[in-house]
Amino acid sequence: MADPITNHSTYLAFFQEIAQKHVDIAHSSEKKAFVRVSLNRDPLLTSKHQINEFLVNEKVNLKPPFMILASYHARFSNSPPGDPKKTFMGTYAILDQPDRKDDFDSENAIIDKCEVIGEQILGYLLNYYLENPQYGEMVSYPFESEALSGLGHNNYAGRLFHFEINWHEYNILMYNPEKFN
C-alpha cells in the first residue's frame, strides 16, 4: 500500500496505486488509465468544463475506463485549539466511452458503470481509513457525485466524485521559532 496521504506526492501515489489495483481501470505502463489534472475553484469554470477542455487537448492516449484525479484543495483548522487539522478536499472522475455517439442508452449504461467503479473506490478509501485511523479519517457527511457526459472528442461519459479526508497528525501548523528571524 502507498504511504498515507499527507501531501501532493503521497496523494498522487495513493490514487495511482488505486488505479493500478482496480480491476476495471487497471492502469499500467501498457494501458494508460490514470492522469492528474489541476482544476480551478472558480465557480464560472465548472469541473465538467475543465475536464472537457483537458480531454479535447489531451496529449496522453487514455484507455477507458480511466481515472482523472484532480489536485486536492486543502482546508486548515485549529478547533478545538491545540488540535490542528488539515482537510484534503479531493475530486476524481471515472470515465469511459459509449459504444456510439448520440446513443443515450449506451451513455446511461456507461454513467452507471462508472458510478459503480467510483463508489468502489470510495469504499476502498472508507475501509482504508477505518483500518488505519492513525492516518486520518474520511469526513462523515455525505460525499458528492455528479454525472458527466459528452466530454472530449470521444464523447466520454462517467461520474465525478468529491470527498474529504481529515489528517490529524499535521504538525506543520505548529509554530517553529527556528524558521523565523
Protein backbone atom coordinates (compact mmCIF):
# COMPACT_ATOMS: atom_id res chain seq x y z
CA MET A 1 0.00 0.00 0.00
CA ALA A 2 1.19 3.50 -0.80
CA ASP A 3 2.10 5.85 2.01
CA PRO A 4 -0.84 7.63 3.67
CA ILE A 5 -1.97 10.91 2.15
CA THR A 6 -0.01 13.76 3.72
CA ASN A 7 0.94 15.98 0.77
CA HIS A 8 0.71 16.31 -3.00
CA SER A 9 3.15 13.50 -3.79
CA THR A 10 1.54 10.97 -1.43
CA TYR A 11 -1.95 11.93 -2.66
CA LEU A 12 -0.89 11.26 -6.25
CA ALA A 13 0.88 7.99 -5.39
CA PHE A 14 -2.08 6.77 -3.29
CA PHE A 15 -4.61 7.23 -6.11
CA GLN A 16 -2.26 5.99 -8.80
CA GLU A 17 -1.96 2.76 -6.82
CA ILE A 18 -5.76 2.55 -6.56
CA ALA A 19 -5.98 2.98 -10.36
CA GLN A 20 -3.44 0.18 -10.80
CA LYS A 21 -5.19 -2.18 -8.37
CA HIS A 22 -8.80 -1.66 -9.51
CA VAL A 23 -9.51 -4.47 -11.99
CA ASP A 24 -11.63 -2.35 -14.35
CA ILE A 25 -9.24 0.63 -14.50
CA ALA A 26 -6.04 -1.50 -14.45
CA HIS A 27 -3.65 1.40 -15.04
CA SER A 28 -0.22 0.20 -16.18
CA SER A 29 2.63 1.18 -18.48
CA GLU A 30 0.78 -0.65 -21.28
CA LYS A 31 -2.71 0.71 -20.50
CA LYS A 32 -2.61 4.41 -19.61
CA ALA A 33 -5.74 4.80 -17.47
CA PHE A 34 -4.73 7.38 -14.86
CA VAL A 35 -3.83 11.06 -15.08
CA ARG A 36 -3.74 14.02 -12.70
CA VAL A 37 -5.05 17.47 -13.58
CA SER A 38 -5.38 20.74 -11.71
CA LEU A 39 -8.90 22.12 -11.52
CA ASN A 40 -9.58 25.77 -10.80
CA ARG A 41 -12.06 26.50 -7.99
CA ASP A 42 -13.54 29.45 -9.92
CA PRO A 43 -17.33 28.90 -9.88
CA LEU A 44 -17.57 30.02 -13.52
CA LEU A 45 -15.22 27.21 -14.59
CA THR A 46 -17.08 24.05 -13.70
CA SER A 47 -15.19 20.79 -13.20
CA LYS A 48 -17.00 19.38 -16.24
CA HIS A 49 -15.87 22.30 -18.41
CA GLN A 50 -12.26 21.98 -17.25
CA ILE A 51 -12.17 18.18 -17.69
CA ASN A 52 -13.68 18.56 -21.17
CA GLU A 53 -11.02 21.13 -22.07
CA PHE A 54 -8.30 18.78 -20.83
CA LEU A 55 -9.69 15.85 -22.83
CA VAL A 56 -10.04 17.90 -26.02
CA ASN A 57 -6.39 18.98 -25.71
CA GLU A 58 -5.09 15.71 -24.25
CA LYS A 59 -1.72 14.53 -25.48
CA VAL A 60 -1.93 11.30 -23.49
CA ASN A 61 -3.84 8.44 -25.08
CA LEU A 62 -6.01 7.31 -22.16
CA LYS A 63 -7.62 3.87 -22.37
CA PRO A 64 -11.14 3.66 -20.90
CA PRO A 65 -12.31 3.19 -18.32
CA PHE A 66 -9.86 5.63 -16.79
CA MET A 67 -9.45 7.84 -13.74
CA ILE A 68 -8.75 11.56 -13.80
CA LEU A 69 -7.52 12.73 -10.40
CA ALA A 70 -7.80 16.43 -9.65
CA SER A 71 -5.19 18.02 -7.42
CA TYR A 72 -6.67 18.45 -3.96
CA HIS A 73 -7.62 21.66 -2.24
CA ALA A 74 -6.73 21.93 1.44
CA ARG A 75 -8.52 23.49 4.38
CA PHE A 76 -6.81 24.04 7.73
CA SER A 77 -8.45 24.30 11.14
CA ASN A 78 -7.42 24.56 14.76
CA SER A 79 -10.63 23.62 16.51
CA PRO A 80 -10.53 22.79 19.30
CA PRO A 81 -7.44 24.97 19.93
CA GLY A 82 -4.27 22.92 20.02
CA ASP A 83 -5.70 20.23 17.71
CA PRO A 84 -4.73 21.41 14.21
CA LYS A 85 -6.10 19.53 11.22
CA LYS A 86 -5.53 19.57 7.50
CA THR A 87 -8.50 18.54 5.38
CA PHE A 88 -7.81 17.25 1.88
CA MET A 89 -10.73 18.04 -0.44
CA GLY A 90 -10.28 15.69 -3.38
CA THR A 91 -12.01 15.03 -6.67
CA TYR A 92 -11.72 12.25 -9.19
CA ALA A 93 -13.61 11.28 -12.32
CA ILE A 94 -14.16 7.81 -13.73
CA LEU A 95 -14.82 7.98 -17.47
CA ASP A 96 -15.50 5.54 -20.27
CA GLN A 97 -16.56 5.76 -23.90
CA PRO A 98 -20.10 4.92 -25.06
CA ASP A 99 -20.43 2.42 -27.88
CA ARG A 100 -21.89 5.04 -30.24
CA LYS A 101 -22.17 8.81 -30.18
CA ASP A 102 -25.70 10.14 -29.65
CA ASP A 103 -26.83 6.81 -28.18
CA PHE A 104 -28.30 7.83 -24.83
CA ASP A 105 -28.91 4.25 -23.68
CA SER A 106 -25.23 3.45 -24.19
CA GLU A 107 -24.25 6.71 -22.46
CA ASN A 108 -26.53 5.95 -19.49
CA ALA A 109 -25.02 2.47 -19.18
CA ILE A 110 -21.52 4.00 -19.12
CA ILE A 111 -22.53 6.52 -16.45
CA ASP A 112 -23.94 3.65 -14.34
CA LYS A 113 -20.79 1.57 -14.86
CA CYS A 114 -18.54 4.49 -13.85
CA GLU A 115 -20.72 5.19 -10.82
CA VAL A 116 -20.14 1.64 -9.59
CA ILE A 117 -16.36 1.91 -10.11
CA GLY A 118 -16.25 5.30 -8.37
CA GLU A 119 -18.28 4.01 -5.42
CA GLN A 120 -15.95 1.02 -5.14
CA ILE A 121 -13.05 3.47 -4.86
CA LEU A 122 -14.92 5.44 -2.16
CA GLY A 123 -15.48 2.12 -0.37
CA TYR A 124 -11.76 1.39 -0.61
CA LEU A 125 -10.99 4.81 0.92
CA LEU A 126 -13.52 4.32 3.72
CA ASN A 127 -12.10 0.88 4.52
CA TYR A 128 -8.50 2.17 4.43
CA TYR A 129 -9.24 4.90 6.98
CA LEU A 130 -11.36 2.62 9.19
CA GLU A 131 -8.47 0.14 9.31
CA ASN A 132 -5.82 2.88 9.70
CA PRO A 133 -7.32 5.63 11.90
CA GLN A 134 -3.81 6.80 12.78
CA TYR A 135 -3.61 8.26 9.23
CA GLY A 136 -6.81 10.28 9.44
CA GLU A 137 -10.47 9.81 8.68
CA MET A 138 -12.96 10.22 5.89
CA VAL A 139 -15.19 13.19 6.69
CA SER A 140 -18.52 11.74 7.76
CA TYR A 141 -21.01 13.97 5.97
CA PRO A 142 -22.27 12.89 2.57
CA PHE A 143 -19.87 12.51 -0.32
CA GLU A 144 -20.88 14.11 -3.60
CA SER A 145 -21.08 12.72 -7.11
CA GLU A 146 -22.34 14.05 -10.43
CA ALA A 147 -22.87 12.64 -13.90
CA LEU A 148 -20.65 13.73 -16.77
CA SER A 149 -21.30 13.24 -20.48
CA GLY A 150 -20.26 14.48 -23.90
CA LEU A 151 -16.64 15.05 -22.91
CA GLY A 152 -13.75 15.35 -25.34
CA HIS A 153 -13.66 14.25 -28.97
CA ASN A 154 -14.60 10.69 -27.95
CA ASN A 155 -17.82 11.69 -26.17
CA TYR A 156 -16.65 10.26 -22.82
CA ALA A 157 -19.21 9.85 -20.04
CA GLY A 158 -18.98 8.87 -16.38
CA ARG A 159 -19.12 10.24 -12.85
CA LEU A 160 -17.26 12.88 -10.87
CA PHE A 161 -16.70 12.22 -7.15
CA HIS A 162 -15.84 14.66 -4.35
CA PHE A 163 -14.58 13.56 -0.93
CA GLU A 164 -12.74 14.89 2.13
CA ILE A 165 -10.10 13.38 4.39
CA ASN A 166 -9.02 14.85 7.74
CA TRP A 167 -5.39 14.40 8.64
CA HIS A 168 -4.86 14.79 12.39
CA GLU A 169 -1.08 14.48 12.60
CA TYR A 170 -0.45 17.76 10.83
CA ASN A 171 2.30 19.30 12.97
CA ILE A 172 3.47 21.76 10.30
CA LEU A 173 0.82 24.18 11.58
CA MET A 174 2.73 24.34 14.85
CA TYR A 175 4.80 27.49 15.34
CA ASN A 176 8.51 26.82 14.85
CA PRO A 177 10.55 29.86 16.01
CA GLU A 178 13.69 28.50 14.32
CA LYS A 179 12.06 29.22 10.92
CA PHE A 180 11.70 32.96 11.58
CA ASN A 181 14.36 35.70 12.01
